[in-house]
Amino acid sequence: MPPARFFVVLNPTAGRGAAARAQRAIRSVLDGAGASYEIALTRGPGDAVELARGAAEAGWPAVVAAGGDGTVHEVANGLLRAAGEGPTVPMGIVPVGSGNDFAKLVGTPITPEAAARHLLASEPRQVDVGRVGDRFFTNGVGIGLDARVGIEAGKVRWARGITIYLVALARVLRAFRPPRMRVVMDGREVADRPLTLVTVANGGCHGGGFWICPAARIDDGELDVCVADALTTAGILGFLPRVMRGTHVGRPGVHMHRARSIRVSSADPLPVHADGEIVSEAAHELEIELLPGRLTVLG
């Protein structure tokens, strides 16, 4: 049955003011239901990991990530570290922000009020996660172009919304050269050539609306992988709009795979992100694996 006690990890900077409204909605809904809860505010990067881990180890029956995809990523990492090799304490989500990819994939309503009510009615269920190095991910790992754009976007201070990523993309494309990558999946080599990107997906939607692996499911026991060959600047500009619709699948130079373990190596420094959070700006060897059914979610 649904839990009646919730430890809420809230990112107060999420959503440019939306976090305060979300906190009021959470309190209103949970108070109205007579539920027991505590709200802890994060203070900086990595804080949600430790708050979630501490709550799980203290015996809270459910931990809620109230924030954007970065908060969900950190809370999931905290719960998975606390659980060791077993299933986690159930994680709920109250979306705050613009992307909210994983929240949508687990069926969480997008408004804070509806999401808070959803916590009270949802039965726990198991979903897959992945691991890259010592970092867990709920949605996916990007290697190459998308990670490089994400790194550059963090330097754009004056723009807002999608403009940030358009500015970052323009900057990256001026100097981007597809790195040579060797990609091995479940022990079988599938590529050893220059590649624009390799995306390993647990869920189908990434970056707030890019369907890079549209067939991916968070509970199917497999990771979907998109391998894009070396593209020119014009090719990249044609590729990205198709990714937003998922119509890049089947196009020349785009290769889709499924696997449970992926190894990517390169002599070139590889930018890497997990769930949009930068893992490395210069990796040379990556081991990625599926952990089936490891994360418990309320959804």
Foldseek 3Di string as FASTA:
>chain_A
DFDQEEEEEFACPAQPRVSVVLVVLLCVQSVVVVGHYHYDYDDDPLRLLQSLLVCQVVPTQEYEQEHALSSVQSNQNNQLVNQPLAAGRAYAYAYTHQARPVCVQVPADHHSNSSSVLSVVFDKFFWKWKDKDSGIFQWKKKKADVLQLLVQLVVDDPDDDPVSSVVSNVVCLVDGDFFFKFKAFPRRTDGGGRWRMKMKTQAQAADRQFRQPVVHHGAPQKIKMKTAHTDHPVRVVVQRVCRSVVNCPPPPRIDMDIHFKMKMAGPFFMWMDGRSHTPDRGDGIIIMGMSHRRYMYGD
